[in-house]
Protein backbone atom coordinates (compact mmCIF):
# COMPACT_ATOMS: atom_id res chain seq x y z
CA MET A 1 32.90 -18.07 -45.87
CA ILE A 2 32.61 -19.52 -49.40
CA TYR A 3 34.92 -22.70 -47.67
CA ILE A 4 32.76 -23.12 -44.55
CA LYS A 5 29.62 -22.50 -46.88
CA SER A 6 31.22 -25.93 -48.36
CA ALA A 7 31.82 -27.76 -45.38
CA VAL A 8 28.30 -27.07 -44.00
CA LEU A 9 27.45 -28.75 -47.35
CA ALA A 10 29.71 -31.60 -47.35
CA LEU A 11 29.28 -32.36 -43.56
CA SER A 12 24.85 -32.49 -44.19
CA LEU A 13 24.86 -34.80 -47.59
CA SER A 14 27.40 -37.37 -45.36
CA ASN A 15 24.65 -37.42 -42.36
CA PHE A 16 21.92 -37.53 -44.74
CA LEU A 17 23.72 -40.30 -46.70
CA TYR A 18 25.05 -42.48 -44.21
CA GLY A 19 21.30 -42.73 -42.99
CA GLN A 20 20.54 -44.58 -46.07
CA THR A 21 19.67 -48.42 -45.89
CA ALA A 22 22.27 -50.64 -46.92
CA ASN A 23 22.12 -53.25 -48.34
CA VAL A 24 23.38 -56.53 -48.22
CA ARG A 25 27.37 -55.92 -49.62
CA GLY A 26 26.95 -52.96 -46.96
CA GLU A 27 26.72 -50.41 -49.83
CA PRO A 28 23.68 -47.38 -49.58
CA ALA A 29 20.41 -48.56 -51.32
CA HIS A 30 20.08 -46.12 -53.69
CA ALA A 31 23.66 -45.36 -55.31
CA GLY A 32 22.91 -42.95 -57.52
CA ILE A 33 21.55 -40.44 -54.75
CA LEU A 34 24.73 -38.76 -54.07
CA ASP A 35 25.28 -38.49 -57.62
CA LYS A 36 22.21 -36.96 -58.22
CA ALA A 37 22.46 -34.59 -54.95
CA LEU A 38 25.88 -33.33 -56.15
CA ASP A 39 24.31 -32.98 -59.68
CA LEU A 40 27.11 -35.31 -60.34
CA VAL A 41 27.88 -37.30 -64.28
CA GLY A 42 30.94 -39.20 -65.11
CA PRO A 43 33.57 -40.25 -65.05
CA VAL A 44 32.54 -41.03 -68.93
CA PRO A 45 31.02 -38.06 -70.54
CA ALA A 46 27.28 -38.84 -70.65
CA ALA A 47 24.34 -38.19 -74.00
CA SER A 48 22.81 -34.71 -74.07
CA PRO A 49 19.69 -35.87 -71.73
CA PRO A 50 16.27 -35.10 -72.61
CA HIS A 51 14.82 -32.37 -72.09
CA LYS A 52 12.57 -34.18 -69.46
CA GLU A 53 15.77 -34.88 -67.18
CA ARG A 54 17.31 -31.44 -67.81
CA PHE A 55 14.48 -29.39 -66.43
CA GLY A 56 14.37 -32.36 -63.64
CA GLU A 57 17.78 -31.11 -62.47
CA PHE A 58 17.08 -27.53 -63.32
CA VAL A 59 14.62 -28.05 -60.51
CA ARG A 60 16.70 -29.72 -58.20
CA SER A 61 19.17 -27.29 -58.58
CA THR A 62 16.90 -24.65 -57.91
CA ILE A 63 14.69 -25.84 -54.79
CA GLY A 64 16.27 -29.58 -53.94
CA PRO A 65 18.12 -30.30 -50.87
CA VAL A 66 21.43 -29.38 -51.61
CA PRO A 67 20.46 -25.58 -52.58
CA LEU A 68 18.29 -24.90 -49.58
CA MET A 69 21.07 -26.14 -47.33
CA GLY A 70 23.81 -24.78 -49.18
CA GLU A 71 21.30 -21.14 -48.57
CA ALA A 72 20.80 -21.60 -45.28
CA ALA A 73 23.83 -22.24 -44.06
CA GLY A 74 25.14 -18.88 -46.29
CA ALA A 75 22.43 -17.11 -44.57
CA ALA A 76 23.43 -18.26 -40.71
CA ILE A 77 27.24 -17.74 -41.69
CA GLU A 78 25.91 -14.22 -43.20
CA GLN A 79 24.02 -13.52 -39.94
CA TRP A 80 27.04 -14.35 -37.93
CA MET A 81 29.14 -11.99 -39.82
CA ASN A 82 26.49 -9.27 -40.04
CA THR A 83 26.76 -9.08 -43.64
CA PRO A 84 25.31 -6.71 -44.85
CA LYS A 85 25.13 -5.07 -41.63
CA GLU A 86 21.99 -2.93 -42.88
CA TRP A 87 20.10 -5.72 -42.45
CA GLY A 88 21.07 -6.00 -39.07
CA GLN A 89 20.01 -9.25 -36.52
CA GLY A 90 17.28 -11.32 -35.55
CA TRP A 91 14.89 -14.01 -37.25
CA ASP A 92 13.27 -11.33 -39.81
CA ALA A 93 16.97 -10.77 -40.52
CA PHE A 94 17.40 -14.22 -41.09
CA ALA A 95 14.32 -14.06 -43.12
CA LYS A 96 15.74 -11.72 -45.47
CA ARG A 97 18.94 -12.80 -45.68
CA PHE A 98 17.98 -16.84 -47.05
CA GLY A 99 15.16 -15.22 -49.11
CA SER A 100 17.61 -13.31 -50.98
CA ASN A 101 20.26 -16.10 -52.13
CA LEU A 102 17.43 -18.56 -52.86
CA ALA A 103 16.36 -15.68 -55.04
CA TYR A 104 19.83 -14.97 -56.18
CA ASN A 105 20.08 -18.94 -56.71
CA GLY A 106 17.20 -19.06 -58.44
CA ILE A 107 17.79 -16.10 -61.10
CA ARG A 108 21.17 -17.47 -61.58
CA GLN A 109 19.74 -21.42 -62.41
CA THR A 110 16.67 -20.00 -64.62
CA ILE A 111 19.28 -17.70 -66.60
CA THR A 112 22.19 -20.81 -67.07
CA TYR A 113 19.45 -23.22 -67.53
CA GLY A 114 17.65 -21.05 -70.69
CA GLY A 115 21.34 -20.51 -71.70
CA SER A 116 22.49 -24.10 -71.73
CA LEU A 117 19.18 -25.08 -73.83
CA MET A 118 19.95 -22.47 -76.26
CA LEU A 119 23.88 -22.72 -76.79
CA ASP A 120 23.62 -26.43 -76.54
CA GLU A 121 25.77 -26.87 -73.07
CA ASP A 122 25.31 -29.26 -70.27
CA SER A 123 27.01 -27.09 -67.70
CA ARG A 124 26.59 -30.17 -64.88
CA TYR A 125 29.73 -31.32 -63.08
CA PHE A 126 31.66 -34.23 -64.67
CA ALA A 127 33.97 -36.37 -62.41
CA SER A 128 37.39 -36.14 -63.30
CA GLY A 129 38.09 -40.10 -63.58
CA ARG A 130 41.54 -38.52 -63.08
CA THR A 131 44.32 -40.23 -60.11
CA GLY A 132 45.89 -37.50 -57.84
CA PHE A 133 45.09 -34.38 -55.50
CA TRP A 134 46.55 -32.13 -57.87
CA PRO A 135 44.80 -33.33 -61.33
CA ARG A 136 41.53 -33.70 -59.95
CA THR A 137 41.91 -30.30 -57.89
CA ARG A 138 42.67 -28.48 -61.05
CA HIS A 139 39.31 -30.05 -63.09
CA ALA A 140 37.29 -29.06 -60.34
CA LEU A 141 38.63 -25.31 -60.24
CA VAL A 142 38.40 -25.36 -64.32
CA SER A 143 35.17 -26.26 -64.29
CA THR A 144 33.41 -23.57 -63.29
CA PHE A 145 34.01 -22.17 -66.19
CA THR A 146 33.45 -24.44 -68.33
CA ALA A 147 30.52 -26.81 -70.50
CA ARG A 148 30.51 -29.91 -72.26
CA HIS A 149 28.05 -30.37 -75.69
CA THR A 150 26.57 -33.30 -77.41
CA ASP A 151 29.53 -33.89 -79.57
CA GLY A 152 32.09 -34.20 -76.34
CA ARG A 153 33.34 -30.89 -77.02
CA VAL A 154 34.52 -28.90 -74.20
CA SER A 155 34.51 -25.38 -73.78
CA PHE A 156 33.37 -21.77 -71.53
CA SER A 157 30.24 -21.84 -70.50
CA TYR A 158 28.76 -18.70 -71.63
CA SER A 159 25.30 -20.03 -70.57
CA SER A 160 26.51 -20.52 -66.53
CA THR A 161 28.71 -17.25 -66.63
CA ALA A 162 26.03 -15.36 -67.61
CA GLY A 163 23.73 -16.71 -64.97
CA VAL A 164 26.03 -15.97 -62.42
CA ILE A 165 26.62 -12.08 -63.88
CA GLY A 166 23.44 -11.20 -64.37
CA ALA A 167 22.12 -12.85 -60.80
CA SER A 168 24.77 -10.27 -59.28
CA ALA A 169 23.35 -7.68 -61.56
CA ILE A 170 19.46 -8.39 -60.54
CA SER A 171 20.42 -9.04 -56.51
CA SER A 172 21.67 -5.58 -56.10
CA THR A 173 18.38 -3.97 -56.81
CA TRP A 174 16.91 -5.19 -53.71
CA GLY A 175 19.94 -4.97 -51.53
CA PRO A 176 21.67 -2.32 -49.72
CA GLU A 177 23.09 0.61 -51.07
CA ALA A 178 26.79 -1.45 -50.57
CA TRP A 179 25.52 -3.57 -53.16
CA LYS A 180 24.99 -1.22 -55.90
CA GLY A 181 27.45 -0.22 -59.04
CA PRO A 182 29.73 -2.18 -61.40
CA GLY A 183 32.22 -2.58 -58.29
CA GLN A 184 30.28 -4.65 -56.45
CA ILE A 185 28.51 -5.75 -58.81
CA ALA A 186 31.66 -8.02 -60.07
CA LYS A 187 32.73 -8.47 -56.77
CA ASN A 188 29.41 -10.60 -55.62
CA ALA A 189 30.23 -12.54 -59.20
CA GLY A 190 33.57 -13.24 -57.88
CA ILE A 191 32.91 -14.29 -54.50
CA SER A 192 29.72 -16.32 -56.40
CA PHE A 193 32.55 -18.26 -58.82
CA ALA A 194 34.99 -18.78 -56.09
CA SER A 195 32.01 -20.60 -54.28
CA THR A 196 31.09 -22.73 -57.11
CA ALA A 197 34.89 -24.11 -57.47
CA ALA A 198 34.90 -24.89 -53.85
CA PHE A 199 32.00 -26.92 -54.51
CA ASN A 200 33.17 -28.70 -57.59
CA VAL A 201 36.24 -29.21 -55.40
CA VAL A 202 33.92 -30.98 -53.04
CA ARG A 203 31.77 -33.05 -55.91
CA GLU A 204 34.62 -34.28 -56.97
CA PHE A 205 36.17 -35.75 -54.01
CA LEU A 206 33.30 -36.11 -51.34
CA PRO A 207 32.29 -39.05 -53.11
CA ASN A 208 35.54 -41.27 -53.08
CA ILE A 209 35.92 -39.80 -48.93
CA LEU A 210 32.17 -41.63 -48.23
CA ARG A 211 32.77 -44.60 -50.09
CA HIS A 212 36.12 -45.50 -48.57
CA ALA A 213 34.73 -44.73 -44.63
CA ARG A 214 31.86 -47.30 -45.49
CA LYS A 215 34.51 -50.47 -46.06
């Protein structure tokens, strides 16, 4: 399910970006739209963005087009797999799954955003700037658990980790009985980390794929 969701996101972004007006050089008119959509920075580390810009990133990651498409795709997949089965089928069940996914993401992003301000952590995804499939993939996977600081350091990301664990724990309160308990909370957190890692791989490679496809 994780990889299907990431593939749906990639396909949706590709269709959206190809629909943009091209300039005389055949490049997208809005050159930065892909990086903004993917919350992508790099490959050179940028200085810590001002508070207004960071808040804008928080809003995009909470209710922007990428999370809306991603959570809708996730709800559709969950509907197809009938998970959780207690919610059944039909449009009411889909709305419940979609709403639950949006609420989970909102809680996760809020905790991450608040923690990143207090701990001076930049949890955006930074492109590796490396060559080769495995070095770039390794960078994408490791970035799931790391953050950058204004002095250039890269360290374990307490804010994003707390966001995943906190959202998994809080979402268990409105979910079915099968979602409750430390074991299930840990499982849901693990799925969320794996989903983020898969999307980081998309973030790392999709811009190159689209740019090569336009040549």
